[in-house]
Amino acid sequence: MKFVVCMDSFKGSMSSLQAGDAVRRGILRAHPDAEVTVIPLADGGEGTLDAVAPYINGIKRNLSVTGPLGNPVDAEYIYSEETRTAYIEMAKAAGLTLIKETELNPLLATTYGVGELMKDAVMTGAKNLAICIGGSATNDGGAGMLQALGARLLDENGNIIGPGAAGLKELHSIDTSGLSTEGINITVASDVTNPLCGPEGASMIYGPQKGASEEDCRVMDGYLMHFADVAGLDPFEPGTGAAGGLGFALMNFLGADLKPGADMVIEITGAEHLIRDCDIVITGEGRIDSQTLSGKGPYRIMKTGTKCGKDVFGITGIPGEGCEECIAAGFKRIVPLITPSMVTEEATASLEETAEALSRSL
């Protein structure tokens, strides 16, 4: 039998490839003669760049950029001279993992460093930017990124506004004549469909995980609404709330196209071609629930597999509410870990054991 294993990460426990390798070992315990191909899976969030790096004919460029709270951070992106494409992960410059939990502050966090990565890529020769925008610590609507690329966001006295969502409070006018991305094609990889503002917007839904209080979220939502009003743009367009509103700036000011992050990864890794040539597909992530159906990685793999006429099985740490809907949507079966755990060694062993049991039942 030929298996294709395409696991998303189990956040806090295993990376995509660690999870995939554990499933591969479990399959081979049950079927020593099986042919097992492991492909990484990510949805545009943290870890996406690492997942696709082996499949990109490019070089890593390292540079120091402005971190989310203004301090310098070391970041990297991948540049393919062959296609003149730069692959950028915003979390490398403005991600949650760059800040201590006690220092999280989305009112002040900036995407300026993301713009610096983009500017360096353009200066290097990139004509195409593929930007993964999950895992942000920011909520500035992409204002910092725009400033790094040459836009002038000014208060009523003609002074440059401060960083973060808080800076948007003073915004009076926007001058984009100095933007340095003319002639650049930008694709945004994200699985977020939330708008910039409103009850389902960037602030209200994602603000709390970035350290915002309930009042902070309401205040930031107002600041982003003001940003959209000054710009004369729609604050309720789907996808603009991605990465604290970075999607809003990329789509509206830079003409970026929004694409599901998992689809980009599937395309880069050649997953569909491999799935067409296999017998069984196994995918999964830490939690499979109703949110999975909104376009997360395992759902995209399931749709690819069923399109190719393959049985697709899911493995999850926690089957959440809506798991039955996922089976109705096309998964052949979804099985939970035999022994759920957040400890890497224990979770890895349990995933291996679960994959073995699933494989023996096929």
Protein backbone atom coordinates (compact mmCIF):
# COMPACT_ATOMS: atom_id res chain seq x y z
CA MET A 1 0.00 0.00 0.00
CA LYS A 2 1.05 3.56 -0.67
CA PHE A 3 0.33 6.14 2.03
CA VAL A 4 0.60 9.91 1.86
CA VAL A 5 0.87 11.50 5.31
CA CYS A 6 0.22 15.24 5.52
CA MET A 7 -0.10 16.34 9.14
CA ASP A 8 -0.44 19.88 10.40
CA SER A 9 1.38 20.78 13.60
CA PHE A 10 0.08 19.88 17.05
CA LYS A 11 0.67 23.33 18.52
CA GLY A 12 2.78 23.21 21.65
CA SER A 13 3.72 19.57 21.06
CA MET A 14 4.86 18.70 17.52
CA SER A 15 5.77 20.44 14.31
CA SER A 16 4.18 19.32 11.06
CA LEU A 17 7.12 17.11 10.13
CA GLN A 18 7.47 15.67 13.64
CA ALA A 19 3.81 14.67 13.54
CA GLY A 20 4.17 13.27 10.03
CA ASP A 21 7.20 11.20 10.97
CA ALA A 22 5.38 9.79 14.01
CA VAL A 23 2.48 8.70 11.79
CA ARG A 24 4.92 7.17 9.30
CA ARG A 25 6.55 5.08 12.05
CA GLY A 26 3.12 3.91 13.21
CA ILE A 27 2.11 2.88 9.70
CA LEU A 28 5.32 0.93 9.20
CA ARG A 29 4.77 -0.94 12.45
CA ALA A 30 1.46 -2.17 11.07
CA HIS A 31 2.60 -2.55 7.44
CA PRO A 32 6.40 -2.92 7.20
CA ASP A 33 6.23 -3.12 3.41
CA ALA A 34 4.15 0.03 2.98
CA GLU A 35 5.43 2.98 0.98
CA VAL A 36 4.94 6.11 3.09
CA THR A 37 5.49 9.66 1.85
CA VAL A 38 5.43 12.47 4.43
CA ILE A 39 4.56 15.98 3.29
CA PRO A 40 4.53 19.03 5.60
CA LEU A 41 1.32 20.99 6.06
CA ALA A 42 0.75 24.54 7.28
CA ASP A 43 -1.94 27.17 6.86
CA GLY A 44 0.06 30.37 6.53
CA GLY A 45 0.79 30.79 10.22
CA GLU A 46 3.99 30.35 12.18
CA GLY A 47 6.10 27.53 10.79
CA THR A 48 4.85 27.77 7.21
CA LEU A 49 8.18 29.01 5.87
CA ASP A 50 10.06 26.16 7.55
CA ALA A 51 7.55 23.67 6.15
CA VAL A 52 7.97 24.72 2.53
CA ALA A 53 11.67 25.65 2.59
CA PRO A 54 12.90 22.23 1.36
CA TYR A 55 10.62 22.52 -1.67
CA ILE A 56 11.75 25.98 -2.76
CA ASN A 57 14.82 26.42 -4.95
CA GLY A 58 16.00 29.50 -3.11
CA ILE A 59 18.34 30.96 -0.53
CA LYS A 60 17.63 32.27 2.93
CA ARG A 61 18.27 35.94 3.49
CA ASN A 62 18.84 36.98 7.09
CA LEU A 63 18.55 40.53 8.37
CA SER A 64 17.83 42.53 11.48
CA VAL A 65 14.43 44.23 11.44
CA THR A 66 12.19 46.15 13.80
CA GLY A 67 10.45 43.71 16.13
CA PRO A 68 6.82 43.97 17.23
CA LEU A 69 7.65 46.19 20.21
CA GLY A 70 10.32 48.22 18.42
CA ASN A 71 13.35 46.19 19.47
CA PRO A 72 15.61 44.68 16.77
CA VAL A 73 14.97 41.03 15.92
CA ASP A 74 16.76 38.66 13.57
CA ALA A 75 14.44 37.55 10.78
CA GLU A 76 14.72 35.68 7.51
CA TYR A 77 12.90 35.01 4.28
CA ILE A 78 13.54 32.79 1.27
CA TYR A 79 14.31 34.23 -2.14
CA SER A 80 14.13 32.24 -5.35
CA GLU A 81 16.16 33.97 -8.05
CA GLU A 82 14.76 31.54 -10.63
CA THR A 83 11.19 32.79 -10.16
CA ARG A 84 12.11 36.13 -8.58
CA THR A 85 9.81 35.24 -5.71
CA ALA A 86 10.35 36.02 -2.03
CA TYR A 87 8.60 33.85 0.56
CA ILE A 88 7.99 35.83 3.73
CA GLU A 89 6.48 34.75 7.04
CA MET A 90 5.22 37.76 8.96
CA ALA A 91 5.60 35.93 12.28
CA LYS A 92 9.38 36.02 11.78
CA ALA A 93 9.25 39.80 12.22
CA ALA A 94 6.05 40.45 14.19
CA GLY A 95 4.97 37.15 15.70
CA LEU A 96 3.61 36.28 19.12
CA THR A 97 6.59 34.06 19.87
CA LEU A 98 8.93 37.07 19.69
CA ILE A 99 7.41 38.59 22.83
CA LYS A 100 7.31 37.36 26.40
CA GLU A 101 3.75 36.64 27.52
CA THR A 102 4.00 39.32 30.21
CA GLU A 103 4.99 41.93 27.60
CA LEU A 104 2.26 41.35 25.01
CA ASN A 105 0.71 44.67 23.99
CA PRO A 106 -1.26 44.81 20.71
CA LEU A 107 -2.00 48.51 21.29
CA LEU A 108 1.68 49.23 20.62
CA ALA A 109 2.85 46.25 18.55
CA THR A 110 3.86 47.13 14.99
CA THR A 111 4.18 45.39 11.63
CA TYR A 112 7.05 47.71 10.63
CA GLY A 113 9.51 44.81 10.49
CA VAL A 114 7.29 42.96 8.02
CA GLY A 115 7.55 45.94 5.70
CA GLU A 116 11.32 45.91 6.13
CA LEU A 117 11.46 42.27 5.00
CA MET A 118 9.30 43.12 1.98
CA LYS A 119 11.44 46.14 1.10
CA ASP A 120 14.64 44.10 1.29
CA ALA A 121 13.10 41.45 -0.97
CA VAL A 122 12.13 44.05 -3.56
CA MET A 123 15.60 45.61 -3.43
CA THR A 124 17.08 42.13 -3.89
CA GLY A 125 15.15 41.74 -7.11
CA ALA A 126 11.86 40.09 -6.17
CA LYS A 127 8.92 40.72 -8.46
CA ASN A 128 6.63 38.36 -6.55
CA LEU A 129 6.01 38.26 -2.81
CA ALA A 130 4.28 35.32 -1.12
CA ILE A 131 3.47 36.46 2.40
CA CYS A 132 2.26 34.11 5.14
CA ILE A 133 0.40 36.20 7.71
CA GLY A 134 -0.60 34.04 10.68
CA GLY A 135 0.66 34.12 14.26
CA SER A 136 0.86 37.90 14.64
CA ALA A 137 1.35 39.84 17.86
CA THR A 138 0.03 42.97 16.15
CA ASN A 139 -3.25 44.79 15.64
CA ASP A 140 -2.18 47.87 13.70
CA GLY A 141 -4.06 47.18 10.46
CA GLY A 142 -0.74 46.88 8.65
CA ALA A 143 0.04 50.55 9.26
CA GLY A 144 3.61 49.82 10.36
CA MET A 145 4.25 47.74 7.25
CA LEU A 146 3.00 50.58 5.04
CA GLN A 147 5.28 53.05 6.82
CA ALA A 148 8.32 50.82 6.29
CA LEU A 149 7.50 50.67 2.58
CA GLY A 150 7.37 54.46 2.25
CA ALA A 151 3.78 55.46 3.01
CA ARG A 152 3.26 58.49 5.25
CA LEU A 153 0.55 58.16 7.89
CA LEU A 154 0.14 61.61 9.41
CA ASP A 155 -1.70 63.32 12.25
CA GLU A 156 -3.54 66.63 11.85
CA ASN A 157 -0.27 68.55 12.30
CA GLY A 158 1.49 66.63 9.55
CA ASN A 159 3.56 64.53 11.96
CA ILE A 160 4.09 60.79 11.54
CA ILE A 161 1.78 58.82 13.84
CA GLY A 162 3.13 56.48 16.48
CA PRO A 163 3.34 52.68 16.28
CA GLY A 164 0.64 50.11 16.84
CA ALA A 165 -3.12 50.36 17.00
CA ALA A 166 -2.77 53.26 19.42
CA GLY A 167 -1.04 55.34 16.77
CA LEU A 168 -4.08 55.09 14.51
CA LYS A 169 -6.07 57.18 16.99
CA GLU A 170 -4.22 60.28 15.73
CA LEU A 171 -4.41 59.40 12.02
CA HIS A 172 -5.62 62.30 9.88
CA SER A 173 -4.26 61.64 6.38
CA ILE A 174 -2.47 58.97 4.34
CA ASP A 175 0.10 59.67 1.62
CA THR A 176 0.92 56.55 -0.42
CA SER A 177 2.91 58.29 -3.16
CA GLY A 178 6.17 56.96 -1.73
CA LEU A 179 5.18 53.27 -1.61
CA SER A 180 7.99 51.15 -3.05
CA THR A 181 5.98 48.16 -4.32
CA GLU A 182 4.92 49.33 -7.77
CA GLY A 183 4.95 46.43 -10.25
CA ILE A 184 5.21 43.81 -7.50
CA ASN A 185 2.74 40.90 -7.41
CA ILE A 186 1.74 40.00 -3.87
CA THR A 187 -0.02 36.85 -2.72
CA VAL A 188 -1.21 36.61 0.87
CA ALA A 189 -1.41 33.14 2.42
CA SER A 190 -3.96 33.01 5.24
CA ASP A 191 -6.83 30.85 6.47
CA VAL A 192 -8.56 33.78 8.20
CA THR A 193 -11.78 35.14 6.71
CA ASN A 194 -12.57 37.66 9.47
CA PRO A 195 -13.14 41.31 8.51
CA LEU A 196 -11.03 44.16 9.84
CA CYS A 197 -13.71 45.47 12.22
CA GLY A 198 -16.88 44.50 14.02
CA PRO A 199 -17.78 41.67 16.41
CA GLU A 200 -15.99 39.14 14.19
CA GLY A 201 -13.12 41.49 13.40
CA ALA A 202 -9.41 41.39 14.12
CA SER A 203 -9.61 43.10 17.51
CA MET A 204 -12.61 41.37 19.02
CA ILE A 205 -11.72 37.82 17.92
CA TYR A 206 -7.93 37.75 18.05
CA GLY A 207 -7.09 40.61 20.42
CA PRO A 208 -7.43 38.54 23.63
CA GLN A 209 -4.81 35.98 22.55
CA LYS A 210 -2.41 38.88 21.97
CA GLY A 211 -2.81 40.20 25.49
CA ALA A 212 -5.72 42.63 25.03
CA SER A 213 -8.40 43.10 27.64
CA GLU A 214 -12.07 43.30 26.68
CA GLU A 215 -11.88 47.09 26.83
CA ASP A 216 -8.64 47.10 24.80
CA CYS A 217 -10.42 45.12 22.08
CA ARG A 218 -13.26 47.62 21.87
CA VAL A 219 -10.81 50.53 21.74
CA MET A 220 -8.65 48.90 19.05
CA ASP A 221 -11.72 48.07 16.97
CA GLY A 222 -12.54 51.78 17.04
CA TYR A 223 -9.01 52.72 15.99
CA LEU A 224 -9.11 50.30 13.05
CA MET A 225 -12.53 51.61 12.05
CA HIS A 226 -11.04 55.10 12.05
CA PHE A 227 -8.14 53.86 9.88
CA ALA A 228 -10.58 52.46 7.32
CA ASP A 229 -12.66 55.65 7.43
CA VAL A 230 -9.64 57.91 6.77
CA ALA A 231 -8.59 55.61 3.93
CA GLY A 232 -12.13 55.51 2.52
CA LEU A 233 -12.11 51.70 2.55
CA ASP A 234 -14.50 48.93 3.60
CA PRO A 235 -13.72 47.65 7.13
CA PHE A 236 -15.97 44.62 6.73
CA GLU A 237 -14.38 42.92 3.71
CA PRO A 238 -13.69 39.21 4.44
CA GLY A 239 -10.03 38.39 5.07
CA THR A 240 -8.97 41.92 5.93
CA GLY A 241 -8.82 41.05 9.63
CA ALA A 242 -6.01 38.53 9.14
CA ALA A 243 -2.91 39.15 11.29
CA GLY A 244 -4.39 42.06 13.19
CA GLY A 245 -5.52 43.76 9.99
CA LEU A 246 -2.31 43.24 8.02
CA GLY A 247 -4.55 41.64 5.40
CA PHE A 248 -6.43 44.94 5.16
CA ALA A 249 -3.32 46.92 4.22
CA LEU A 250 -1.92 44.27 1.89
CA MET A 251 -5.17 43.84 -0.02
CA ASN A 252 -6.30 47.46 -0.20
CA PHE A 253 -3.07 49.46 -0.45
CA LEU A 254 -0.83 46.95 -2.24
CA GLY A 255 -3.36 45.06 -4.37
CA ALA A 256 -2.53 41.68 -2.84
CA ASP A 257 -4.51 38.56 -3.67
CA LEU A 258 -5.71 36.48 -0.73
CA LYS A 259 -5.18 32.72 -0.96
CA PRO A 260 -5.78 29.97 1.65
CA GLY A 261 -2.42 29.24 3.25
CA ALA A 262 -2.88 25.49 3.04
CA ASP A 263 -3.51 25.74 -0.70
CA MET A 264 -0.19 27.52 -1.18
CA VAL A 265 1.62 24.82 0.79
CA ILE A 266 -0.14 22.04 -1.15
CA GLU A 267 0.91 23.71 -4.40
CA ILE A 268 4.55 24.21 -3.38
CA THR A 269 5.00 20.67 -2.03
CA GLY A 270 3.30 18.99 -4.99
CA ALA A 271 0.94 17.24 -2.60
CA GLU A 272 -1.85 16.70 -5.13
CA HIS A 273 0.44 14.83 -7.53
CA LEU A 274 1.61 12.54 -4.71
CA ILE A 275 -1.95 11.98 -3.48
CA ARG A 276 -3.08 10.94 -6.97
CA ASP A 277 -0.49 8.17 -6.87
CA CYS A 278 -1.29 6.75 -3.41
CA ASP A 279 -3.90 4.46 -1.86
CA ILE A 280 -4.53 6.06 1.54
CA VAL A 281 -4.22 9.64 2.81
CA ILE A 282 -3.77 10.48 6.50
CA THR A 283 -3.94 14.05 7.75
CA GLY A 284 -4.76 15.81 11.01
CA GLU A 285 -3.84 18.40 13.62
CA GLY A 286 -4.09 19.04 17.34
CA ARG A 287 -7.81 19.79 17.23
CA ILE A 288 -10.34 18.93 14.56
CA ASP A 289 -13.69 20.70 14.96
CA SER A 290 -16.10 22.95 13.11
CA GLN A 291 -13.29 25.47 12.53
CA THR A 292 -11.48 22.86 10.45
CA LEU A 293 -14.18 23.26 7.81
CA SER A 294 -13.32 26.94 7.37
CA GLY A 295 -10.35 25.95 5.22
CA LYS A 296 -7.71 24.70 7.63
CA GLY A 297 -4.95 22.42 6.37
CA PRO A 298 -6.50 19.01 7.07
CA TYR A 299 -9.74 20.09 5.38
CA ARG A 300 -7.84 21.19 2.27
CA ILE A 301 -5.98 17.87 2.18
CA MET A 302 -9.27 15.99 2.59
CA LYS A 303 -10.82 17.89 -0.32
CA THR A 304 -7.75 17.21 -2.46
CA GLY A 305 -7.83 13.53 -1.55
CA THR A 306 -11.53 13.04 -2.20
CA LYS A 307 -11.19 14.89 -5.50
CA CYS A 308 -8.56 12.31 -6.44
CA GLY A 309 -10.82 9.45 -5.34
CA LYS A 310 -8.82 8.53 -2.23
CA ASP A 311 -9.96 7.64 1.29
CA VAL A 312 -8.78 10.33 3.71
CA PHE A 313 -8.41 9.58 7.42
CA GLY A 314 -7.93 12.16 10.15
CA ILE A 315 -6.01 11.93 13.41
CA THR A 316 -6.50 14.59 16.08
CA GLY A 317 -5.44 15.24 19.64
CA ILE A 318 -8.89 16.51 20.56
CA PRO A 319 -12.05 15.91 18.49
CA GLY A 320 -13.96 19.11 19.17
CA GLU A 321 -17.52 20.20 18.53
CA GLY A 322 -18.28 19.79 14.85
CA CYS A 323 -16.04 16.77 14.33
CA GLU A 324 -19.04 14.82 13.01
CA GLU A 325 -19.60 17.56 10.45
CA CYS A 326 -16.05 16.99 9.21
CA ILE A 327 -16.83 13.31 8.63
CA ALA A 328 -19.99 14.29 6.77
CA ALA A 329 -17.89 16.68 4.68
CA GLY A 330 -15.68 13.86 3.39
CA PHE A 331 -13.33 12.38 5.99
CA LYS A 332 -13.57 8.58 5.96
CA ARG A 333 -12.91 8.48 9.69
CA ILE A 334 -11.41 10.74 12.37
CA VAL A 335 -9.67 9.14 15.33
CA PRO A 336 -8.39 10.83 18.51
CA LEU A 337 -5.00 10.12 20.05
CA ILE A 338 -5.11 7.02 22.20
CA THR A 339 -3.36 8.93 25.00
CA PRO A 340 -3.76 12.71 24.55
CA SER A 341 -0.85 14.79 25.87
CA MET A 342 0.76 18.19 25.33
CA VAL A 343 4.21 16.90 26.28
CA THR A 344 6.17 16.42 23.07
CA GLU A 345 7.61 12.99 23.82
CA GLU A 346 4.30 11.62 25.12
CA ALA A 347 2.25 13.16 22.31
CA THR A 348 4.66 11.82 19.68
CA ALA A 349 4.53 8.31 21.13
CA SER A 350 0.74 8.44 21.32
CA LEU A 351 0.46 9.65 17.72
CA GLU A 352 2.69 6.81 16.58
CA GLU A 353 0.56 4.31 18.52
CA THR A 354 -2.67 5.80 17.15
CA ALA A 355 -1.39 5.67 13.57
CA GLU A 356 -0.42 2.02 14.04
CA ALA A 357 -3.88 1.13 15.35
CA LEU A 358 -5.57 3.03 12.52
CA SER A 359 -3.36 1.37 9.89
CA ARG A 360 -4.08 -2.12 11.24
CA SER A 361 -7.80 -1.45 10.92
CA LEU A 362 -7.60 -0.58 7.22
